mmCIF file of all heavy atoms, coordinates in Angstrom:
data_MODEL
# 
_entry.id   MODEL 
# 
loop_
_atom_site.group_PDB 
_atom_site.id 
_atom_site.type_symbol 
_atom_site.label_atom_id 
_atom_site.label_alt_id 
_atom_site.label_comp_id 
_atom_site.label_asym_id 
_atom_site.label_entity_id 
_atom_site.label_seq_id 
_atom_site.pdbx_PDB_ins_code 
_atom_site.Cartn_x 
_atom_site.Cartn_y 
_atom_site.Cartn_z 
_atom_site.occupancy 
_atom_site.B_iso_or_equiv 
_atom_site.pdbx_formal_charge 
_atom_site.auth_seq_id 
_atom_site.auth_comp_id 
_atom_site.auth_asym_id 
_atom_site.auth_atom_id 
_atom_site.pdbx_PDB_model_num 
ATOM 1   N N   . ARG A 1 1  ? 4.165   14.667 10.633 1.00 0.00 ? 1  ARG A N   1 
ATOM 2   C CA  . ARG A 1 1  ? 4.076   14.030 11.900 1.00 0.00 ? 1  ARG A CA  1 
ATOM 3   C C   . ARG A 1 1  ? 2.618   13.826 12.259 1.00 0.00 ? 1  ARG A C   1 
ATOM 4   O O   . ARG A 1 1  ? 1.784   14.717 11.913 1.00 0.00 ? 1  ARG A O   1 
ATOM 5   C CB  . ARG A 1 1  ? 4.734   14.764 13.010 1.00 0.00 ? 1  ARG A CB  1 
ATOM 6   C CG  . ARG A 1 1  ? 6.293   14.740 12.854 1.00 0.00 ? 1  ARG A CG  1 
ATOM 7   C CD  . ARG A 1 1  ? 7.053   15.628 13.850 1.00 0.00 ? 1  ARG A CD  1 
ATOM 8   N NE  . ARG A 1 1  ? 8.487   15.470 13.608 1.00 0.00 ? 1  ARG A NE  1 
ATOM 9   C CZ  . ARG A 1 1  ? 9.179   16.040 12.683 1.00 0.00 ? 1  ARG A CZ  1 
ATOM 10  N NH1 . ARG A 1 1  ? 8.599   16.869 11.821 1.00 0.00 ? 1  ARG A NH1 1 
ATOM 11  N NH2 . ARG A 1 1  ? 10.406  15.860 12.497 1.00 0.00 ? 1  ARG A NH2 1 
ATOM 12  N N   . PRO A 1 2  ? 2.275   12.930 13.118 1.00 0.00 ? 2  PRO A N   1 
ATOM 13  C CA  . PRO A 1 2  ? 0.875   12.761 13.577 1.00 0.00 ? 2  PRO A CA  1 
ATOM 14  C C   . PRO A 1 2  ? 0.534   14.047 14.495 1.00 0.00 ? 2  PRO A C   1 
ATOM 15  O O   . PRO A 1 2  ? 1.424   14.642 15.031 1.00 0.00 ? 2  PRO A O   1 
ATOM 16  C CB  . PRO A 1 2  ? 0.861   11.564 14.333 1.00 0.00 ? 2  PRO A CB  1 
ATOM 17  C CG  . PRO A 1 2  ? 2.263   11.238 14.708 1.00 0.00 ? 2  PRO A CG  1 
ATOM 18  C CD  . PRO A 1 2  ? 3.151   11.932 13.706 1.00 0.00 ? 2  PRO A CD  1 
ATOM 19  N N   . PHE A 1 3  ? -0.750  14.395 14.550 1.00 0.00 ? 3  PHE A N   1 
ATOM 20  C CA  . PHE A 1 3  ? -1.169  15.345 15.533 1.00 0.00 ? 3  PHE A CA  1 
ATOM 21  C C   . PHE A 1 3  ? -0.764  14.970 16.929 1.00 0.00 ? 3  PHE A C   1 
ATOM 22  O O   . PHE A 1 3  ? -0.765  13.815 17.216 1.00 0.00 ? 3  PHE A O   1 
ATOM 23  C CB  . PHE A 1 3  ? -2.668  15.648 15.394 1.00 0.00 ? 3  PHE A CB  1 
ATOM 24  C CG  . PHE A 1 3  ? -3.073  16.140 14.016 1.00 0.00 ? 3  PHE A CG  1 
ATOM 25  C CD1 . PHE A 1 3  ? -3.722  15.302 13.059 1.00 0.00 ? 3  PHE A CD1 1 
ATOM 26  C CD2 . PHE A 1 3  ? -2.826  17.458 13.656 1.00 0.00 ? 3  PHE A CD2 1 
ATOM 27  C CE1 . PHE A 1 3  ? -4.084  15.778 11.787 1.00 0.00 ? 3  PHE A CE1 1 
ATOM 28  C CE2 . PHE A 1 3  ? -3.227  17.937 12.415 1.00 0.00 ? 3  PHE A CE2 1 
ATOM 29  C CZ  . PHE A 1 3  ? -3.808  17.127 11.478 1.00 0.00 ? 3  PHE A CZ  1 
ATOM 30  N N   . ASN A 1 4  ? -0.495  15.924 17.693 1.00 0.00 ? 4  ASN A N   1 
ATOM 31  C CA  . ASN A 1 4  ? -0.010  15.609 19.161 1.00 0.00 ? 4  ASN A CA  1 
ATOM 32  C C   . ASN A 1 4  ? 1.102   14.683 19.142 1.00 0.00 ? 4  ASN A C   1 
ATOM 33  O O   . ASN A 1 4  ? 1.215   13.712 19.919 1.00 0.00 ? 4  ASN A O   1 
ATOM 34  C CB  . ASN A 1 4  ? -1.120  15.079 19.944 1.00 0.00 ? 4  ASN A CB  1 
ATOM 35  C CG  . ASN A 1 4  ? -2.267  16.078 20.121 1.00 0.00 ? 4  ASN A CG  1 
ATOM 36  O OD1 . ASN A 1 4  ? -2.032  17.291 20.360 1.00 0.00 ? 4  ASN A OD1 1 
ATOM 37  N ND2 . ASN A 1 4  ? -3.475  15.694 19.917 1.00 0.00 ? 4  ASN A ND2 1 
ATOM 38  N N   . ALA A 1 5  ? 2.135   14.933 18.286 1.00 0.00 ? 5  ALA A N   1 
ATOM 39  C CA  . ALA A 1 5  ? 3.307   14.071 18.175 1.00 0.00 ? 5  ALA A CA  1 
ATOM 40  C C   . ALA A 1 5  ? 4.126   14.107 19.469 1.00 0.00 ? 5  ALA A C   1 
ATOM 41  O O   . ALA A 1 5  ? 4.765   13.119 19.847 1.00 0.00 ? 5  ALA A O   1 
ATOM 42  C CB  . ALA A 1 5  ? 4.241   14.621 17.059 1.00 0.00 ? 5  ALA A CB  1 
ATOM 43  N N   . TRP A 1 6  ? 4.141   15.226 20.192 1.00 0.00 ? 6  TRP A N   1 
ATOM 44  C CA  . TRP A 1 6  ? 4.974   15.246 21.424 1.00 0.00 ? 6  TRP A CA  1 
ATOM 45  C C   . TRP A 1 6  ? 4.096   15.406 22.608 1.00 0.00 ? 6  TRP A C   1 
ATOM 46  O O   . TRP A 1 6  ? 2.907   15.951 22.555 1.00 0.00 ? 6  TRP A O   1 
ATOM 47  C CB  . TRP A 1 6  ? 5.923   16.461 21.356 1.00 0.00 ? 6  TRP A CB  1 
ATOM 48  C CG  . TRP A 1 6  ? 6.961   16.314 20.253 1.00 0.00 ? 6  TRP A CG  1 
ATOM 49  C CD1 . TRP A 1 6  ? 8.084   15.599 20.309 1.00 0.00 ? 6  TRP A CD1 1 
ATOM 50  C CD2 . TRP A 1 6  ? 6.876   16.934 18.990 1.00 0.00 ? 6  TRP A CD2 1 
ATOM 51  N NE1 . TRP A 1 6  ? 8.761   15.803 19.157 1.00 0.00 ? 6  TRP A NE1 1 
ATOM 52  C CE2 . TRP A 1 6  ? 8.097   16.552 18.295 1.00 0.00 ? 6  TRP A CE2 1 
ATOM 53  C CE3 . TRP A 1 6  ? 5.992   17.758 18.318 1.00 0.00 ? 6  TRP A CE3 1 
ATOM 54  C CZ2 . TRP A 1 6  ? 8.346   16.946 17.007 1.00 0.00 ? 6  TRP A CZ2 1 
ATOM 55  C CZ3 . TRP A 1 6  ? 6.256   18.197 17.057 1.00 0.00 ? 6  TRP A CZ3 1 
ATOM 56  C CH2 . TRP A 1 6  ? 7.427   17.808 16.409 1.00 0.00 ? 6  TRP A CH2 1 
ATOM 57  N N   . PRO A 1 7  ? 4.660   15.210 23.844 1.00 0.00 ? 7  PRO A N   1 
ATOM 58  C CA  . PRO A 1 7  ? 3.916   15.563 25.014 1.00 0.00 ? 7  PRO A CA  1 
ATOM 59  C C   . PRO A 1 7  ? 4.059   17.105 25.194 1.00 0.00 ? 7  PRO A C   1 
ATOM 60  O O   . PRO A 1 7  ? 5.213   17.583 25.436 1.00 0.00 ? 7  PRO A O   1 
ATOM 61  C CB  . PRO A 1 7  ? 4.577   14.852 26.148 1.00 0.00 ? 7  PRO A CB  1 
ATOM 62  C CG  . PRO A 1 7  ? 5.944   14.419 25.604 1.00 0.00 ? 7  PRO A CG  1 
ATOM 63  C CD  . PRO A 1 7  ? 5.853   14.428 24.092 1.00 0.00 ? 7  PRO A CD  1 
ATOM 64  N N   . TYR A 1 8  ? 3.025   17.807 24.965 1.00 0.00 ? 8  TYR A N   1 
ATOM 65  C CA  . TYR A 1 8  ? 3.021   19.277 24.981 1.00 0.00 ? 8  TYR A CA  1 
ATOM 66  C C   . TYR A 1 8  ? 3.023   19.788 26.462 1.00 0.00 ? 8  TYR A C   1 
ATOM 67  O O   . TYR A 1 8  ? 2.305   19.302 27.251 1.00 0.00 ? 8  TYR A O   1 
ATOM 68  C CB  . TYR A 1 8  ? 1.882   19.908 24.196 1.00 0.00 ? 8  TYR A CB  1 
ATOM 69  C CG  . TYR A 1 8  ? 1.864   19.594 22.730 1.00 0.00 ? 8  TYR A CG  1 
ATOM 70  C CD1 . TYR A 1 8  ? 0.885   18.856 22.109 1.00 0.00 ? 8  TYR A CD1 1 
ATOM 71  C CD2 . TYR A 1 8  ? 2.960   20.041 21.915 1.00 0.00 ? 8  TYR A CD2 1 
ATOM 72  C CE1 . TYR A 1 8  ? 0.927   18.542 20.809 1.00 0.00 ? 8  TYR A CE1 1 
ATOM 73  C CE2 . TYR A 1 8  ? 3.001   19.703 20.638 1.00 0.00 ? 8  TYR A CE2 1 
ATOM 74  C CZ  . TYR A 1 8  ? 1.983   18.969 20.069 1.00 0.00 ? 8  TYR A CZ  1 
ATOM 75  O OH  . TYR A 1 8  ? 1.997   18.740 18.675 1.00 0.00 ? 8  TYR A OH  1 
ATOM 76  N N   . LEU A 1 9  ? 3.798   20.918 26.666 1.00 0.00 ? 9  LEU A N   1 
ATOM 77  C CA  . LEU A 1 9  ? 3.876   21.547 27.943 1.00 0.00 ? 9  LEU A CA  1 
ATOM 78  C C   . LEU A 1 9  ? 2.503   22.341 28.159 1.00 0.00 ? 9  LEU A C   1 
ATOM 79  O O   . LEU A 1 9  ? 1.951   22.344 29.216 1.00 0.00 ? 9  LEU A O   1 
ATOM 80  C CB  . LEU A 1 9  ? 5.032   22.509 28.011 1.00 0.00 ? 9  LEU A CB  1 
ATOM 81  C CG  . LEU A 1 9  ? 5.328   23.118 29.353 1.00 0.00 ? 9  LEU A CG  1 
ATOM 82  C CD1 . LEU A 1 9  ? 5.669   22.108 30.379 1.00 0.00 ? 9  LEU A CD1 1 
ATOM 83  C CD2 . LEU A 1 9  ? 6.577   24.094 29.219 1.00 0.00 ? 9  LEU A CD2 1 
ATOM 84  N N   . HIS A 1 10 ? 2.015   22.967 27.108 1.00 0.00 ? 10 HIS A N   1 
ATOM 85  C CA  . HIS A 1 10 ? 0.760   23.717 27.061 1.00 0.00 ? 10 HIS A CA  1 
ATOM 86  C C   . HIS A 1 10 ? -0.001  23.358 25.824 1.00 0.00 ? 10 HIS A C   1 
ATOM 87  O O   . HIS A 1 10 ? 0.662   22.911 24.846 1.00 0.00 ? 10 HIS A O   1 
ATOM 88  C CB  . HIS A 1 10 ? 0.985   25.258 27.073 1.00 0.00 ? 10 HIS A CB  1 
ATOM 89  C CG  . HIS A 1 10 ? 1.878   25.740 28.179 1.00 0.00 ? 10 HIS A CG  1 
ATOM 90  N ND1 . HIS A 1 10 ? 1.508   25.795 29.547 1.00 0.00 ? 10 HIS A ND1 1 
ATOM 91  C CD2 . HIS A 1 10 ? 3.163   26.187 28.107 1.00 0.00 ? 10 HIS A CD2 1 
ATOM 92  C CE1 . HIS A 1 10 ? 2.543   26.224 30.275 1.00 0.00 ? 10 HIS A CE1 1 
ATOM 93  N NE2 . HIS A 1 10 ? 3.524   26.436 29.468 1.00 0.00 ? 10 HIS A NE2 1 
ATOM 94  N N   . PRO A 1 11 ? -1.284  23.496 25.743 1.00 0.00 ? 11 PRO A N   1 
ATOM 95  C CA  . PRO A 1 11 ? -1.969  23.286 24.502 1.00 0.00 ? 11 PRO A CA  1 
ATOM 96  C C   . PRO A 1 11 ? -1.444  24.124 23.445 1.00 0.00 ? 11 PRO A C   1 
ATOM 97  O O   . PRO A 1 11 ? -1.191  25.337 23.575 1.00 0.00 ? 11 PRO A O   1 
ATOM 98  C CB  . PRO A 1 11 ? -3.442  23.605 24.862 1.00 0.00 ? 11 PRO A CB  1 
ATOM 99  C CG  . PRO A 1 11 ? -3.526  23.560 26.332 1.00 0.00 ? 11 PRO A CG  1 
ATOM 100 C CD  . PRO A 1 11 ? -2.193  23.936 26.863 1.00 0.00 ? 11 PRO A CD  1 
ATOM 101 N N   . PRO A 1 12 ? -1.195  23.557 22.193 1.00 0.00 ? 12 PRO A N   1 
ATOM 102 C CA  . PRO A 1 12 ? -0.689  24.389 21.089 1.00 0.00 ? 12 PRO A CA  1 
ATOM 103 C C   . PRO A 1 12 ? -1.695  25.426 20.651 1.00 0.00 ? 12 PRO A C   1 
ATOM 104 O O   . PRO A 1 12 ? -2.886  25.335 20.992 1.00 0.00 ? 12 PRO A O   1 
ATOM 105 C CB  . PRO A 1 12 ? -0.517  23.349 19.948 1.00 0.00 ? 12 PRO A CB  1 
ATOM 106 C CG  . PRO A 1 12 ? -0.408  22.051 20.683 1.00 0.00 ? 12 PRO A CG  1 
ATOM 107 C CD  . PRO A 1 12 ? -1.211  22.135 21.870 1.00 0.00 ? 12 PRO A CD  1 
ATOM 108 N N   . LYS A 1 13 ? -1.141  26.440 20.048 1.00 0.00 ? 13 LYS A N   1 
ATOM 109 C CA  . LYS A 1 13 ? -2.054  27.559 19.416 1.00 0.00 ? 13 LYS A CA  1 
ATOM 110 C C   . LYS A 1 13 ? -1.884  27.481 17.959 1.00 0.00 ? 13 LYS A C   1 
ATOM 111 O O   . LYS A 1 13 ? -0.855  27.165 17.430 1.00 0.00 ? 13 LYS A O   1 
ATOM 112 C CB  . LYS A 1 13 ? -1.598  28.870 19.990 1.00 0.00 ? 13 LYS A CB  1 
ATOM 113 C CG  . LYS A 1 13 ? -1.897  29.060 21.494 1.00 0.00 ? 13 LYS A CG  1 
ATOM 114 C CD  . LYS A 1 13 ? -1.633  30.398 22.000 1.00 0.00 ? 13 LYS A CD  1 
ATOM 115 C CE  . LYS A 1 13 ? -1.955  30.440 23.515 1.00 0.00 ? 13 LYS A CE  1 
ATOM 116 N NZ  . LYS A 1 13 ? -1.736  31.806 23.953 1.00 0.00 ? 13 LYS A NZ  1 
ATOM 117 N N   . ILE A 1 14 ? -3.044  27.819 17.338 1.00 0.00 ? 14 ILE A N   1 
ATOM 118 C CA  . ILE A 1 14 ? -3.087  27.757 15.841 1.00 0.00 ? 14 ILE A CA  1 
ATOM 119 C C   . ILE A 1 14 ? -3.215  29.251 15.274 1.00 0.00 ? 14 ILE A C   1 
ATOM 120 O O   . ILE A 1 14 ? -4.091  29.982 15.691 1.00 0.00 ? 14 ILE A O   1 
ATOM 121 C CB  . ILE A 1 14 ? -4.259  26.979 15.347 1.00 0.00 ? 14 ILE A CB  1 
ATOM 122 C CG1 . ILE A 1 14 ? -4.249  25.587 15.903 1.00 0.00 ? 14 ILE A CG1 1 
ATOM 123 C CG2 . ILE A 1 14 ? -4.413  26.997 13.771 1.00 0.00 ? 14 ILE A CG2 1 
ATOM 124 C CD1 . ILE A 1 14 ? -3.176  24.663 15.342 1.00 0.00 ? 14 ILE A CD1 1 
ATOM 125 N N   . ALA A 1 15 ? -2.223  29.639 14.430 1.00 0.00 ? 15 ALA A N   1 
ATOM 126 C CA  . ALA A 1 15 ? -2.328  30.830 13.698 1.00 0.00 ? 15 ALA A CA  1 
ATOM 127 C C   . ALA A 1 15 ? -3.022  30.577 12.352 1.00 0.00 ? 15 ALA A C   1 
ATOM 128 O O   . ALA A 1 15 ? -2.669  29.684 11.580 1.00 0.00 ? 15 ALA A O   1 
ATOM 129 C CB  . ALA A 1 15 ? -0.971  31.378 13.505 1.00 0.00 ? 15 ALA A CB  1 
ATOM 130 N N   . ARG A 1 16 ? -4.134  31.404 12.168 1.00 0.00 ? 16 ARG A N   1 
ATOM 131 C CA  . ARG A 1 16 ? -4.860  31.244 10.898 1.00 0.00 ? 16 ARG A CA  1 
ATOM 132 C C   . ARG A 1 16 ? -4.417  32.308 9.947  1.00 0.00 ? 16 ARG A C   1 
ATOM 133 O O   . ARG A 1 16 ? -4.676  33.582 10.242 1.00 0.00 ? 16 ARG A O   1 
ATOM 134 C CB  . ARG A 1 16 ? -6.400  31.313 11.138 1.00 0.00 ? 16 ARG A CB  1 
ATOM 135 C CG  . ARG A 1 16 ? -6.814  30.229 12.100 1.00 0.00 ? 16 ARG A CG  1 
ATOM 136 C CD  . ARG A 1 16 ? -8.361  30.175 12.277 1.00 0.00 ? 16 ARG A CD  1 
ATOM 137 N NE  . ARG A 1 16 ? -9.084  31.458 12.190 1.00 0.00 ? 16 ARG A NE  1 
ATOM 138 C CZ  . ARG A 1 16 ? -9.404  32.248 13.193 1.00 0.00 ? 16 ARG A CZ  1 
ATOM 139 N NH1 . ARG A 1 16 ? -9.146  31.874 14.486 1.00 0.00 ? 16 ARG A NH1 1 
ATOM 140 N NH2 . ARG A 1 16 ? -10.148 33.276 12.970 1.00 0.00 ? 16 ARG A NH2 1 
ATOM 141 N N   . VAL A 1 17 ? -3.756  32.007 8.856  1.00 0.00 ? 17 VAL A N   1 
ATOM 142 C CA  . VAL A 1 17 ? -3.215  32.930 7.887  1.00 0.00 ? 17 VAL A CA  1 
ATOM 143 C C   . VAL A 1 17 ? -4.107  33.058 6.685  1.00 0.00 ? 17 VAL A C   1 
ATOM 144 O O   . VAL A 1 17 ? -4.348  32.074 6.031  1.00 0.00 ? 17 VAL A O   1 
ATOM 145 C CB  . VAL A 1 17 ? -1.816  32.522 7.479  1.00 0.00 ? 17 VAL A CB  1 
ATOM 146 C CG1 . VAL A 1 17 ? -1.244  33.440 6.405  1.00 0.00 ? 17 VAL A CG1 1 
ATOM 147 C CG2 . VAL A 1 17 ? -0.886  32.461 8.734  1.00 0.00 ? 17 VAL A CG2 1 
ATOM 148 N N   . GLN A 1 18 ? -4.701  34.263 6.478  1.00 0.00 ? 18 GLN A N   1 
ATOM 149 C CA  . GLN A 1 18 ? -5.591  34.434 5.369  1.00 0.00 ? 18 GLN A CA  1 
ATOM 150 C C   . GLN A 1 18 ? -4.771  34.742 4.112  1.00 0.00 ? 18 GLN A C   1 
ATOM 151 O O   . GLN A 1 18 ? -3.870  35.608 4.163  1.00 0.00 ? 18 GLN A O   1 
ATOM 152 C CB  . GLN A 1 18 ? -6.496  35.648 5.729  1.00 0.00 ? 18 GLN A CB  1 
ATOM 153 C CG  . GLN A 1 18 ? -7.356  35.291 6.908  1.00 0.00 ? 18 GLN A CG  1 
ATOM 154 C CD  . GLN A 1 18 ? -8.186  36.454 7.394  1.00 0.00 ? 18 GLN A CD  1 
ATOM 155 O OE1 . GLN A 1 18 ? -7.773  37.664 7.239  1.00 0.00 ? 18 GLN A OE1 1 
ATOM 156 N NE2 . GLN A 1 18 ? -9.336  36.208 7.937  1.00 0.00 ? 18 GLN A NE2 1 
ATOM 157 N N   . CYS A 1 19 ? -5.049  33.984 3.077  1.00 0.00 ? 19 CYS A N   1 
ATOM 158 C CA  . CYS A 1 19 ? -4.340  34.139 1.788  1.00 0.00 ? 19 CYS A CA  1 
ATOM 159 C C   . CYS A 1 19 ? -5.198  33.563 0.601  1.00 0.00 ? 19 CYS A C   1 
ATOM 160 O O   . CYS A 1 19 ? -6.169  32.969 0.910  1.00 0.00 ? 19 CYS A O   1 
ATOM 161 C CB  . CYS A 1 19 ? -2.962  33.425 1.855  1.00 0.00 ? 19 CYS A CB  1 
ATOM 162 S SG  . CYS A 1 19 ? -3.091  31.646 2.160  1.00 0.00 ? 19 CYS A SG  1 
ATOM 163 N N   . SER A 1 20 ? -4.628  33.763 -0.534 1.00 0.00 ? 20 SER A N   1 
ATOM 164 C CA  . SER A 1 20 ? -5.341  33.227 -1.719 1.00 0.00 ? 20 SER A CA  1 
ATOM 165 C C   . SER A 1 20 ? -5.101  31.707 -1.860 1.00 0.00 ? 20 SER A C   1 
ATOM 166 O O   . SER A 1 20 ? -4.168  31.166 -1.272 1.00 0.00 ? 20 SER A O   1 
ATOM 167 C CB  . SER A 1 20 ? -4.871  33.951 -3.007 1.00 0.00 ? 20 SER A CB  1 
ATOM 168 O OG  . SER A 1 20 ? -3.449  33.487 -3.293 1.00 0.00 ? 20 SER A OG  1 
ATOM 169 N N   . ASP A 1 21 ? -5.917  31.062 -2.605 1.00 0.00 ? 21 ASP A N   1 
ATOM 170 C CA  . ASP A 1 21 ? -5.799  29.640 -2.865 1.00 0.00 ? 21 ASP A CA  1 
ATOM 171 C C   . ASP A 1 21 ? -4.382  29.398 -3.544 1.00 0.00 ? 21 ASP A C   1 
ATOM 172 O O   . ASP A 1 21 ? -3.699  28.362 -3.219 1.00 0.00 ? 21 ASP A O   1 
ATOM 173 C CB  . ASP A 1 21 ? -6.848  29.078 -3.804 1.00 0.00 ? 21 ASP A CB  1 
ATOM 174 C CG  . ASP A 1 21 ? -8.201  29.035 -3.133 1.00 0.00 ? 21 ASP A CG  1 
ATOM 175 O OD1 . ASP A 1 21 ? -8.312  29.195 -1.849 1.00 0.00 ? 21 ASP A OD1 1 
ATOM 176 O OD2 . ASP A 1 21 ? -9.249  28.849 -3.839 1.00 0.00 ? 21 ASP A OD2 1 
ATOM 177 N N   . ASP A 1 22 ? -3.982  30.237 -4.382 1.00 0.00 ? 22 ASP A N   1 
ATOM 178 C CA  . ASP A 1 22 ? -2.704  30.076 -5.098 1.00 0.00 ? 22 ASP A CA  1 
ATOM 179 C C   . ASP A 1 22 ? -1.575  30.174 -4.115 1.00 0.00 ? 22 ASP A C   1 
ATOM 180 O O   . ASP A 1 22 ? -0.626  29.346 -4.144 1.00 0.00 ? 22 ASP A O   1 
ATOM 181 C CB  . ASP A 1 22 ? -2.600  31.168 -6.150 1.00 0.00 ? 22 ASP A CB  1 
ATOM 182 C CG  . ASP A 1 22 ? -1.362  30.940 -7.059 1.00 0.00 ? 22 ASP A CG  1 
ATOM 183 O OD1 . ASP A 1 22 ? -1.246  29.847 -7.582 1.00 0.00 ? 22 ASP A OD1 1 
ATOM 184 O OD2 . ASP A 1 22 ? -0.588  31.904 -7.225 1.00 0.00 ? 22 ASP A OD2 1 
ATOM 185 N N   . VAL A 1 23 ? -1.552  31.138 -3.182 1.00 0.00 ? 23 VAL A N   1 
ATOM 186 C CA  . VAL A 1 23 ? -0.500  31.252 -2.143 1.00 0.00 ? 23 VAL A CA  1 
ATOM 187 C C   . VAL A 1 23 ? -0.478  30.116 -1.272 1.00 0.00 ? 23 VAL A C   1 
ATOM 188 O O   . VAL A 1 23 ? 0.561   29.462 -1.000 1.00 0.00 ? 23 VAL A O   1 
ATOM 189 C CB  . VAL A 1 23 ? -0.623  32.504 -1.343 1.00 0.00 ? 23 VAL A CB  1 
ATOM 190 C CG1 . VAL A 1 23 ? 0.216   32.511 -0.056 1.00 0.00 ? 23 VAL A CG1 1 
ATOM 191 C CG2 . VAL A 1 23 ? -0.316  33.752 -2.193 1.00 0.00 ? 23 VAL A CG2 1 
ATOM 192 N N   . ALA A 1 24 ? -1.694  29.543 -0.888 1.00 0.00 ? 24 ALA A N   1 
ATOM 193 C CA  . ALA A 1 24 ? -1.705  28.375 -0.006 1.00 0.00 ? 24 ALA A CA  1 
ATOM 194 C C   . ALA A 1 24 ? -1.139  27.153 -0.701 1.00 0.00 ? 24 ALA A C   1 
ATOM 195 O O   . ALA A 1 24 ? -0.361  26.334 -0.137 1.00 0.00 ? 24 ALA A O   1 
ATOM 196 C CB  . ALA A 1 24 ? -3.170  28.105 0.431  1.00 0.00 ? 24 ALA A CB  1 
ATOM 197 N N   . ARG A 1 25 ? -1.502  26.927 -1.980 1.00 0.00 ? 25 ARG A N   1 
ATOM 198 C CA  . ARG A 1 25 ? -1.028  25.798 -2.696 1.00 0.00 ? 25 ARG A CA  1 
ATOM 199 C C   . ARG A 1 25 ? 0.478   25.831 -2.975 1.00 0.00 ? 25 ARG A C   1 
ATOM 200 O O   . ARG A 1 25 ? 1.186   24.878 -2.682 1.00 0.00 ? 25 ARG A O   1 
ATOM 201 C CB  . ARG A 1 25 ? -1.712  25.713 -4.075 1.00 0.00 ? 25 ARG A CB  1 
ATOM 202 C CG  . ARG A 1 25 ? -1.318  24.570 -4.981 1.00 0.00 ? 25 ARG A CG  1 
ATOM 203 C CD  . ARG A 1 25 ? -1.958  24.566 -6.356 1.00 0.00 ? 25 ARG A CD  1 
ATOM 204 N NE  . ARG A 1 25 ? -1.797  25.880 -7.087 1.00 0.00 ? 25 ARG A NE  1 
ATOM 205 C CZ  . ARG A 1 25 ? -0.606  26.271 -7.605 1.00 0.00 ? 25 ARG A CZ  1 
ATOM 206 N NH1 . ARG A 1 25 ? 0.437   25.498 -7.534 1.00 0.00 ? 25 ARG A NH1 1 
ATOM 207 N NH2 . ARG A 1 25 ? -0.580  27.412 -8.296 1.00 0.00 ? 25 ARG A NH2 1 
ATOM 208 N N   . LYS A 1 26 ? 0.968   27.017 -3.391 1.00 0.00 ? 26 LYS A N   1 
ATOM 209 C CA  . LYS A 1 26 ? 2.436   27.199 -3.647 1.00 0.00 ? 26 LYS A CA  1 
ATOM 210 C C   . LYS A 1 26 ? 3.217   27.019 -2.246 1.00 0.00 ? 26 LYS A C   1 
ATOM 211 O O   . LYS A 1 26 ? 4.292   26.350 -2.241 1.00 0.00 ? 26 LYS A O   1 
ATOM 212 C CB  . LYS A 1 26 ? 2.737   28.510 -4.201 1.00 0.00 ? 26 LYS A CB  1 
ATOM 213 C CG  . LYS A 1 26 ? 2.310   28.629 -5.647 1.00 0.00 ? 26 LYS A CG  1 
ATOM 214 C CD  . LYS A 1 26 ? 2.676   29.977 -6.245 1.00 0.00 ? 26 LYS A CD  1 
ATOM 215 C CE  . LYS A 1 26 ? 2.209   30.125 -7.666 1.00 0.00 ? 26 LYS A CE  1 
ATOM 216 N NZ  . LYS A 1 26 ? 2.420   31.566 -8.160 1.00 0.00 ? 26 LYS A NZ  1 
ATOM 217 N N   . THR A 1 27 ? 2.762   27.547 -1.195 1.00 0.00 ? 27 THR A N   1 
ATOM 218 C CA  . THR A 1 27 ? 3.380   27.429 0.126  1.00 0.00 ? 27 THR A CA  1 
ATOM 219 C C   . THR A 1 27 ? 3.411   26.008 0.435  1.00 0.00 ? 27 THR A C   1 
ATOM 220 O O   . THR A 1 27 ? 4.507   25.439 0.846  1.00 0.00 ? 27 THR A O   1 
ATOM 221 C CB  . THR A 1 27 ? 2.643   28.298 1.198  1.00 0.00 ? 27 THR A CB  1 
ATOM 222 O OG1 . THR A 1 27 ? 2.709   29.740 0.750  1.00 0.00 ? 27 THR A OG1 1 
ATOM 223 C CG2 . THR A 1 27 ? 3.299   28.111 2.495  1.00 0.00 ? 27 THR A CG2 1 
# 
């Protein structure tokens, strides 16, 4: 979906998950 697909009630929050390149690619 496009960014800001919906009218948000509150600004979204972003979780930054640290992982290897391999895990990121497979996920």
